[in-house]
């Protein structure tokens, strides 16, 4: 439990420090670096919060969230395709698809690696 708390306490300040280190030391690669970081956070969220997502974003028979190599959007896209999103899942998919046309369906099986 102590290591869990320490990890979360350090996450935000180290992320801010790393942001500036990358921004000021590798401007040519910053865009790709931050995109990869965002994808990794998304994959982490899919795995770490799988119980919450499985309870709130899909119906019982839907595709399971939690694959550590998959983004939340990919799992949403599979449930959207299969018609197994809950009301909350439909709302989240609508928001993502409004920001980026067909975001969830485009994200299916798009397992980007670091």
C-alpha atoms as a PDB file:
ATOM      1  CA  UNK A   1       0.000   0.000   0.000  1.00  0.00           C
ATOM      2  CA  UNK A   2       2.846   2.407   0.827  1.00  0.00           C
ATOM      3  CA  UNK A   3       4.539   1.837  -2.556  1.00  0.00           C
ATOM      4  CA  UNK A   4       1.200   2.420  -4.289  1.00  0.00           C
ATOM      5  CA  UNK A   5       0.817   5.801  -2.560  1.00  0.00           C
ATOM      6  CA  UNK A   6       4.420   6.813  -3.260  1.00  0.00           C
ATOM      7  CA  UNK A   7       4.022   5.920  -6.941  1.00  0.00           C
ATOM      8  CA  UNK A   8       0.910   8.073  -7.276  1.00  0.00           C
ATOM      9  CA  UNK A   9       2.431  10.957  -5.313  1.00  0.00           C
ATOM     10  CA  UNK A  10       5.482  10.971  -7.614  1.00  0.00           C
ATOM     11  CA  UNK A  11       3.530  10.549 -10.856  1.00  0.00           C
ATOM     12  CA  UNK A  12       2.356  14.139 -11.314  1.00  0.00           C
ATOM     13  CA  UNK A  13       5.566  16.017 -10.433  1.00  0.00           C
ATOM     14  CA  UNK A  14       7.717  13.613 -12.464  1.00  0.00           C
ATOM     15  CA  UNK A  15       5.337  13.952 -15.412  1.00  0.00           C
ATOM     16  CA  UNK A  16       5.604  17.750 -15.293  1.00  0.00           C
ATOM     17  CA  UNK A  17       9.402  17.616 -15.026  1.00  0.00           C
ATOM     18  CA  UNK A  18       9.623  15.114 -17.879  1.00  0.00           C
ATOM     19  CA  UNK A  19       7.351  17.278 -20.026  1.00  0.00           C
ATOM     20  CA  UNK A  20       9.795  20.187 -19.807  1.00  0.00           C
ATOM     21  CA  UNK A  21      12.862  17.992 -20.258  1.00  0.00           C
ATOM     22  CA  UNK A  22      11.430  16.538 -23.472  1.00  0.00           C
ATOM     23  CA  UNK A  23      10.098  19.872 -24.678  1.00  0.00           C
ATOM     24  CA  UNK A  24      13.403  21.701 -24.288  1.00  0.00           C
ATOM     25  CA  UNK A  25      15.862  18.951 -25.189  1.00  0.00           C
ATOM     26  CA  UNK A  26      14.259  17.210 -28.156  1.00  0.00           C
ATOM     27  CA  UNK A  27      11.937  19.577 -30.000  1.00  0.00           C
ATOM     28  CA  UNK A  28      12.062  17.515 -33.183  1.00  0.00           C
ATOM     29  CA  UNK A  29      10.756  14.437 -31.409  1.00  0.00           C
ATOM     30  CA  UNK A  30       8.436  16.030 -28.828  1.00  0.00           C
ATOM     31  CA  UNK A  31       5.220  15.528 -30.829  1.00  0.00           C
ATOM     32  CA  UNK A  32       5.771  11.793 -31.306  1.00  0.00           C
ATOM     33  CA  UNK A  33       6.979  11.413 -27.743  1.00  0.00           C
ATOM     34  CA  UNK A  34       3.865  13.027 -26.267  1.00  0.00           C
ATOM     35  CA  UNK A  35       1.566  11.030 -28.571  1.00  0.00           C
ATOM     36  CA  UNK A  36       3.227   7.794 -27.452  1.00  0.00           C
ATOM     37  CA  UNK A  37       2.921   8.882 -23.822  1.00  0.00           C
ATOM     38  CA  UNK A  38      -0.791   9.603 -24.303  1.00  0.00           C
ATOM     39  CA  UNK A  39      -1.330   6.155 -25.852  1.00  0.00           C
ATOM     40  CA  UNK A  40       0.538   4.494 -22.977  1.00  0.00           C
ATOM     41  CA  UNK A  41      -1.598   6.344 -20.425  1.00  0.00           C
ATOM     42  CA  UNK A  42      -4.699   5.241 -22.353  1.00  0.00           C
ATOM     43  CA  UNK A  43      -3.542   1.595 -22.310  1.00  0.00           C
ATOM     44  CA  UNK A  44      -2.759   1.880 -18.595  1.00  0.00           C
ATOM     45  CA  UNK A  45      -6.241   3.283 -17.968  1.00  0.00           C
ATOM     46  CA  UNK A  46      -7.828   0.435 -19.918  1.00  0.00           C
ATOM     47  CA  UNK A  47      -6.003  -2.140 -17.804  1.00  0.00           C
ATOM     48  CA  UNK A  48      -6.016  -0.399 -14.420  1.00  0.00           C
ATOM     49  CA  UNK A  49      -9.683   0.656 -14.451  1.00  0.00           C
ATOM     50  CA  UNK A  50     -11.038  -2.430 -16.239  1.00  0.00           C
ATOM     51  CA  UNK A  51     -13.524  -3.241 -13.469  1.00  0.00           C
ATOM     52  CA  UNK A  52     -14.998   0.267 -13.611  1.00  0.00           C
ATOM     53  CA  UNK A  53     -15.151   0.297 -17.427  1.00  0.00           C
ATOM     54  CA  UNK A  54     -16.693  -3.193 -17.575  1.00  0.00           C
ATOM     55  CA  UNK A  55     -19.382  -2.118 -15.098  1.00  0.00           C
ATOM     56  CA  UNK A  56     -20.177   1.261 -16.625  1.00  0.00           C
ATOM     57  CA  UNK A  57     -19.321   1.377 -20.331  1.00  0.00           C
ATOM     58  CA  UNK A  58     -20.767  -1.888 -21.662  1.00  0.00           C
ATOM     59  CA  UNK A  59     -23.588  -4.317 -21.062  1.00  0.00           C
ATOM     60  CA  UNK A  60     -22.870  -7.733 -19.516  1.00  0.00           C
ATOM     61  CA  UNK A  61     -22.271  -9.587 -22.777  1.00  0.00           C
ATOM     62  CA  UNK A  62     -20.035  -6.898 -24.278  1.00  0.00           C
ATOM     63  CA  UNK A  63     -16.363  -7.021 -25.172  1.00  0.00           C
ATOM     64  CA  UNK A  64     -14.220  -6.847 -22.026  1.00  0.00           C
ATOM     65  CA  UNK A  65     -12.031  -3.884 -21.171  1.00  0.00           C
ATOM     66  CA  UNK A  66      -8.640  -4.647 -19.630  1.00  0.00           C
ATOM     67  CA  UNK A  67      -6.279  -5.831 -22.362  1.00  0.00           C
ATOM     68  CA  UNK A  68      -2.946  -4.170 -21.442  1.00  0.00           C
ATOM     69  CA  UNK A  69      -2.060  -3.726 -25.132  1.00  0.00           C
ATOM     70  CA  UNK A  70      -5.343  -2.054 -26.056  1.00  0.00           C
ATOM     71  CA  UNK A  71      -6.611   1.493 -25.636  1.00  0.00           C
ATOM     72  CA  UNK A  72      -9.940   2.383 -24.069  1.00  0.00           C
ATOM     73  CA  UNK A  73     -11.062   3.705 -27.464  1.00  0.00           C
ATOM     74  CA  UNK A  74     -10.374   0.341 -29.115  1.00  0.00           C
ATOM     75  CA  UNK A  75     -12.503  -1.510 -26.571  1.00  0.00           C
ATOM     76  CA  UNK A  76     -15.202   1.165 -26.917  1.00  0.00           C
ATOM     77  CA  UNK A  77     -15.068   0.742 -30.689  1.00  0.00           C
ATOM     78  CA  UNK A  78     -15.530  -3.029 -30.450  1.00  0.00           C
ATOM     79  CA  UNK A  79     -18.522  -2.596 -28.163  1.00  0.00           C
ATOM     80  CA  UNK A  80     -19.915   0.147 -30.394  1.00  0.00           C
ATOM     81  CA  UNK A  81     -19.568  -2.169 -33.418  1.00  0.00           C
ATOM     82  CA  UNK A  82     -21.228  -5.033 -31.526  1.00  0.00           C
ATOM     83  CA  UNK A  83     -24.044  -2.873 -30.110  1.00  0.00           C
ATOM     84  CA  UNK A  84     -23.020  -3.665 -26.519  1.00  0.00           C
ATOM     85  CA  UNK A  85     -22.314  -0.192 -25.124  1.00  0.00           C
ATOM     86  CA  UNK A  86     -24.232   0.981 -22.069  1.00  0.00           C
ATOM     87  CA  UNK A  87     -25.791   4.438 -22.009  1.00  0.00           C
ATOM     88  CA  UNK A  88     -22.643   5.853 -20.410  1.00  0.00           C
ATOM     89  CA  UNK A  89     -20.488   4.057 -22.992  1.00  0.00           C
ATOM     90  CA  UNK A  90     -22.606   5.472 -25.826  1.00  0.00           C
ATOM     91  CA  UNK A  91     -22.180   8.948 -24.351  1.00  0.00           C
ATOM     92  CA  UNK A  92     -18.403   8.597 -24.097  1.00  0.00           C
ATOM     93  CA  UNK A  93     -18.175   7.162 -27.622  1.00  0.00           C
ATOM     94  CA  UNK A  94     -20.308  10.038 -28.921  1.00  0.00           C
ATOM     95  CA  UNK A  95     -17.976  12.599 -27.305  1.00  0.00           C
ATOM     96  CA  UNK A  96     -14.848  10.938 -28.733  1.00  0.00           C
ATOM     97  CA  UNK A  97     -16.446  10.510 -32.171  1.00  0.00           C
ATOM     98  CA  UNK A  98     -17.527  14.162 -32.153  1.00  0.00           C
ATOM     99  CA  UNK A  99     -13.986  15.337 -31.375  1.00  0.00           C
ATOM    100  CA  UNK A 100     -12.452  12.971 -33.944  1.00  0.00           C
ATOM    101  CA  UNK A 101     -14.789  11.562 -36.611  1.00  0.00           C
ATOM    102  CA  UNK A 102     -15.246   7.779 -36.127  1.00  0.00           C
ATOM    103  CA  UNK A 103     -12.558   7.795 -33.433  1.00  0.00           C
ATOM    104  CA  UNK A 104     -13.673   4.590 -31.720  1.00  0.00           C
ATOM    105  CA  UNK A 105     -14.030   2.511 -34.879  1.00  0.00           C
ATOM    106  CA  UNK A 106     -10.703   3.830 -36.188  1.00  0.00           C
ATOM    107  CA  UNK A 107      -9.081   2.797 -32.896  1.00  0.00           C
ATOM    108  CA  UNK A 108     -10.066  -0.874 -33.099  1.00  0.00           C
ATOM    109  CA  UNK A 109      -6.991  -3.106 -33.023  1.00  0.00           C
ATOM    110  CA  UNK A 110      -4.747  -0.099 -33.467  1.00  0.00           C
ATOM    111  CA  UNK A 111      -2.374  -1.308 -30.740  1.00  0.00           C
ATOM    112  CA  UNK A 112       0.421   1.216 -30.976  1.00  0.00           C
ATOM    113  CA  UNK A 113       3.604   0.328 -29.173  1.00  0.00           C
ATOM    114  CA  UNK A 114       6.182   2.532 -27.567  1.00  0.00           C
END
